[in-house]
Amino acid sequence: MRCLPTVLTAALAAVALLPSAAEAAGGAAVRGKATHYELASGGGNCSYPSPPVGGLYVALSPGEYAAAAACGGYLSVTGPRGTVRVKVVDQCPECAAGHIDLSRTAFARVADPGKGMAGVTYRPVRDPRGGVPLSFRVKEGSSQWWLALLVVDHGNPLTSVEVKAAGGRWRKLVRADYNYWIAESGAGRGPFAVRVTDTRGHRVTAERVRLAPGTVQRTTTKMY
């Protein structure tokens, strides 16, 4: 859940995008605008259990959020006061492409929070948070007949999550717009091997992820 963003002023109501949001996904910079807000609870539409340590996060427009495809990635945002790195955790339904909604803490790193809005430039960060192991969370209601799995601390956005029970074969999961990866017919009782692939081509396998709904399971497996 997210709070409504700070009321916008008219001073920066029209800001050009250079280049398009689609091009930005490939690493190009976007010139846009930023407002600020605070999460009402949890980790936003991306369903993370809690906000990032330090409170540096961002919500994206629906097009840039891309039905959760951007979740867990990082942006480098530069404004009048400096540059900050933020984690994508949320969607801003009322934001147009090029309008990002930063946490108040992050906004204060790049602009005067008293102004409510600022012109910024932002771009995706490649291979952030090196050395942080993956964690997994099985959603409440999961069973051997229906599985929903959240991947945490992967750094780059993800393109694929697959699971395999002992003696079984790999099954590709489908990402929901709330960022859980779903096996509609389940994947068995577990434990599972989970194979994770990101947008930069990194692929790793974590072993013995249990069918334990509501529990964050930390591993020693790192994406890169």
Protein backbone atom coordinates (compact mmCIF):
# COMPACT_ATOMS: atom_id res chain seq x y z
CA MET A 1 0.00 0.00 0.00
CA ARG A 2 1.22 3.54 -0.77
CA CYS A 3 0.15 6.96 0.43
CA LEU A 4 -1.01 9.60 -2.02
CA PRO A 5 1.98 11.58 -3.29
CA THR A 6 2.68 15.09 -2.06
CA VAL A 7 0.39 17.69 -3.68
CA LEU A 8 2.11 18.91 -6.82
CA THR A 9 2.86 22.52 -7.63
CA ALA A 10 2.48 23.86 -11.15
CA ALA A 11 6.03 25.08 -11.55
CA LEU A 12 7.29 21.89 -13.21
CA ALA A 13 4.02 20.57 -14.58
CA ALA A 14 5.43 19.96 -18.05
CA VAL A 15 8.82 18.25 -18.25
CA ALA A 16 10.11 16.64 -21.42
CA LEU A 17 11.33 13.04 -21.48
CA LEU A 18 14.70 12.42 -23.09
CA PRO A 19 14.60 9.64 -24.21
CA SER A 20 11.45 7.49 -23.86
CA ALA A 21 10.77 5.31 -20.81
CA ALA A 22 11.20 2.22 -22.98
CA GLU A 23 14.69 3.35 -23.96
CA ALA A 24 15.46 4.05 -20.31
CA ALA A 25 14.89 0.39 -19.49
CA GLY A 26 17.97 -0.30 -21.60
CA GLY A 27 20.13 2.03 -19.49
CA ALA A 28 19.65 5.49 -21.06
CA ALA A 29 18.97 8.47 -18.82
CA VAL A 30 15.49 9.99 -18.54
CA ARG A 31 14.94 13.66 -17.78
CA GLY A 32 11.76 13.96 -15.75
CA LYS A 33 10.38 15.09 -12.42
CA ALA A 34 10.19 13.74 -8.91
CA THR A 35 7.75 14.14 -6.03
CA HIS A 36 7.89 12.42 -2.64
CA TYR A 37 5.69 10.23 -0.45
CA GLU A 38 5.90 7.66 2.34
CA LEU A 39 4.79 4.04 2.20
CA ALA A 40 1.65 3.44 4.24
CA SER A 41 2.76 -0.09 5.17
CA GLY A 42 4.94 -2.95 3.95
CA GLY A 43 7.04 -2.72 0.85
CA GLY A 44 4.65 -1.27 -1.74
CA ASN A 45 3.11 -2.92 -4.80
CA CYS A 46 6.25 -5.06 -5.19
CA SER A 47 5.15 -6.89 -2.00
CA TYR A 48 8.49 -6.73 -0.20
CA PRO A 49 8.13 -7.44 3.53
CA SER A 50 9.51 -4.01 4.48
CA PRO A 51 11.02 -0.89 2.91
CA PRO A 52 14.75 -0.93 2.13
CA VAL A 53 17.13 -0.20 4.98
CA GLY A 54 17.77 3.53 4.97
CA GLY A 55 14.38 4.33 3.43
CA LEU A 56 15.71 4.95 -0.09
CA TYR A 57 13.00 3.78 -2.47
CA VAL A 58 10.93 4.87 -5.47
CA ALA A 59 7.52 4.31 -7.06
CA LEU A 60 7.25 4.30 -10.86
CA SER A 61 4.52 5.19 -13.33
CA PRO A 62 2.42 2.23 -14.54
CA GLY A 63 4.31 2.03 -17.83
CA GLU A 64 7.72 2.01 -16.16
CA TYR A 65 6.54 -0.30 -13.37
CA ALA A 66 5.54 -2.63 -16.23
CA ALA A 67 3.32 -5.02 -14.25
CA ALA A 68 6.12 -5.56 -11.67
CA ALA A 69 8.91 -6.16 -14.22
CA ALA A 70 10.86 -3.23 -12.69
CA CYS A 71 10.55 -4.47 -9.09
CA GLY A 72 13.76 -4.89 -7.13
CA GLY A 73 15.88 -2.94 -9.59
CA TYR A 74 17.66 0.31 -8.72
CA LEU A 75 17.71 3.80 -10.18
CA SER A 76 20.37 6.47 -9.86
CA VAL A 77 18.53 9.79 -9.49
CA THR A 78 20.22 13.19 -9.84
CA GLY A 79 18.61 16.49 -8.86
CA PRO A 80 19.62 20.01 -7.81
CA ARG A 81 21.20 18.84 -4.54
CA GLY A 82 22.97 15.67 -5.61
CA THR A 83 22.53 12.01 -6.54
CA VAL A 84 20.88 9.10 -4.73
CA ARG A 85 20.42 5.40 -5.46
CA VAL A 86 16.90 4.07 -4.84
CA LYS A 87 15.21 0.67 -5.00
CA VAL A 88 12.05 0.19 -7.05
CA VAL A 89 9.40 -1.07 -4.61
CA ASP A 90 6.12 0.48 -5.71
CA GLN A 91 3.85 1.79 -8.44
CA CYS A 92 2.51 5.35 -8.67
CA PRO A 93 -0.82 4.93 -10.51
CA GLU A 94 -1.34 8.65 -11.05
CA CYS A 95 2.19 9.34 -12.35
CA ALA A 96 2.83 9.83 -16.05
CA ALA A 97 5.93 8.35 -17.68
CA GLY A 98 8.98 10.24 -16.47
CA HIS A 99 7.40 11.18 -13.14
CA ILE A 100 8.92 9.23 -10.25
CA ASP A 101 7.74 9.31 -6.63
CA LEU A 102 10.68 9.11 -4.23
CA SER A 103 10.65 8.42 -0.52
CA ARG A 104 10.95 11.64 1.45
CA THR A 105 14.42 10.57 2.59
CA ALA A 106 15.57 10.00 -0.98
CA PHE A 107 13.99 13.23 -2.24
CA ALA A 108 15.87 15.23 0.41
CA ARG A 109 19.14 13.90 -1.04
CA VAL A 110 18.42 15.42 -4.45
CA ALA A 111 16.18 18.46 -3.81
CA ASP A 112 14.49 20.64 -1.20
CA PRO A 113 11.56 18.55 0.16
CA GLY A 114 9.72 21.76 1.02
CA LYS A 115 9.19 22.42 -2.69
CA GLY A 116 7.35 19.13 -3.23
CA MET A 117 8.60 18.58 -6.78
CA ALA A 118 11.88 18.88 -8.65
CA GLY A 119 13.36 18.25 -12.04
CA VAL A 120 15.57 15.15 -12.03
CA THR A 121 17.48 12.82 -14.31
CA TYR A 122 17.41 9.09 -13.61
CA ARG A 123 18.78 5.89 -15.08
CA PRO A 124 18.85 2.16 -14.18
CA VAL A 125 21.84 0.92 -12.17
CA ARG A 126 23.61 -2.16 -13.50
CA ASP A 127 24.55 -4.91 -11.02
CA PRO A 128 23.81 -3.02 -7.78
CA ARG A 129 24.19 -4.45 -4.28
CA GLY A 130 26.91 -6.92 -5.19
CA GLY A 131 27.45 -9.69 -2.67
CA VAL A 132 23.97 -9.68 -1.09
CA PRO A 133 22.46 -13.21 -0.95
CA LEU A 134 18.98 -13.95 -2.23
CA SER A 135 16.00 -14.39 0.06
CA PHE A 136 12.63 -15.99 -0.73
CA ARG A 137 9.15 -15.64 0.69
CA VAL A 138 6.33 -18.11 0.01
CA LYS A 139 2.98 -16.32 0.02
CA GLU A 140 0.28 -17.17 2.54
CA GLY A 141 -2.20 -19.62 1.04
CA SER A 142 0.46 -21.49 -0.92
CA SER A 143 0.30 -25.28 -0.89
CA GLN A 144 1.37 -28.22 -3.00
CA TRP A 145 -1.48 -27.26 -5.37
CA TRP A 146 -0.78 -23.50 -5.71
CA LEU A 147 2.51 -21.71 -5.21
CA ALA A 148 3.38 -18.00 -5.07
CA LEU A 149 7.04 -17.12 -4.51
CA LEU A 150 8.68 -13.73 -3.90
CA VAL A 151 12.39 -13.21 -4.64
CA VAL A 152 14.20 -10.58 -2.56
CA ASP A 153 17.61 -8.85 -2.94
CA HIS A 154 18.31 -9.80 -6.55
CA GLY A 155 19.71 -6.39 -7.56
CA ASN A 156 18.78 -6.21 -11.25
CA PRO A 157 15.14 -6.73 -12.30
CA LEU A 158 14.23 -10.36 -12.98
CA THR A 159 13.17 -11.99 -16.23
CA SER A 160 12.55 -15.57 -15.09
CA VAL A 161 11.96 -17.69 -11.98
CA GLU A 162 11.73 -21.50 -12.18
CA VAL A 163 11.24 -24.16 -9.53
CA LYS A 164 12.01 -27.86 -9.38
CA ALA A 165 11.07 -30.39 -6.73
CA ALA A 166 13.36 -33.34 -5.98
CA GLY A 167 13.32 -35.71 -8.95
CA GLY A 168 11.14 -33.36 -10.97
CA ARG A 169 11.68 -31.03 -13.90
CA TRP A 170 12.01 -27.27 -14.07
CA ARG A 171 8.72 -25.36 -14.08
CA LYS A 172 8.63 -21.73 -15.17
CA LEU A 173 6.57 -19.45 -12.93
CA VAL A 174 4.45 -16.51 -14.11
CA ARG A 175 4.96 -13.11 -12.49
CA ALA A 176 1.88 -11.39 -11.07
CA ASP A 177 1.60 -7.59 -11.06
CA TYR A 178 2.20 -7.66 -7.29
CA ASN A 179 5.63 -9.27 -7.95
CA TYR A 180 5.02 -12.82 -6.73
CA TRP A 181 5.89 -15.61 -9.15
CA ILE A 182 3.01 -18.05 -9.51
CA ALA A 183 2.59 -21.76 -10.26
CA GLU A 184 -1.19 -21.99 -10.72
CA SER A 185 -1.24 -25.78 -10.39
CA GLY A 186 1.40 -25.86 -7.66
CA ALA A 187 4.84 -27.45 -7.64
CA GLY A 188 4.50 -30.14 -4.98
CA ARG A 189 5.40 -30.24 -1.31
CA GLY A 190 8.99 -29.03 -1.66
CA PRO A 191 11.64 -28.29 -0.76
CA PHE A 192 12.46 -26.75 -4.13
CA ALA A 193 15.43 -25.71 -6.16
CA VAL A 194 14.75 -22.19 -7.47
CA ARG A 195 16.48 -20.90 -10.60
CA VAL A 196 16.53 -17.12 -10.98
CA THR A 197 17.53 -15.12 -14.08
CA ASP A 198 17.90 -11.33 -14.26
CA THR A 199 17.86 -8.72 -17.03
CA ARG A 200 21.68 -8.71 -17.24
CA GLY A 201 21.90 -12.42 -17.95
CA HIS A 202 22.94 -13.58 -14.48
CA ARG A 203 21.42 -16.97 -13.59
CA VAL A 204 21.78 -18.81 -10.28
CA THR A 205 20.07 -21.68 -8.47
CA ALA A 206 19.17 -21.67 -4.78
CA GLU A 207 18.58 -25.04 -3.13
CA ARG A 208 16.13 -26.28 -0.52
CA VAL A 209 13.58 -23.48 -0.48
CA ARG A 210 10.81 -24.80 1.76
CA LEU A 211 7.05 -24.60 1.31
CA ALA A 212 6.78 -22.40 4.41
CA PRO A 213 4.16 -19.66 3.81
CA GLY A 214 4.81 -16.29 5.41
CA THR A 215 8.46 -16.95 6.24
CA VAL A 216 11.42 -15.08 4.73
CA GLN A 217 14.02 -17.71 3.87
CA ARG A 218 17.55 -16.37 3.59
CA THR A 219 20.10 -18.20 1.48
CA THR A 220 23.82 -17.99 0.73
CA THR A 221 23.20 -17.80 -3.04
CA LYS A 222 24.24 -14.56 -4.74
CA MET A 223 23.17 -13.36 -8.20
CA TYR A 224 26.69 -12.09 -9.06
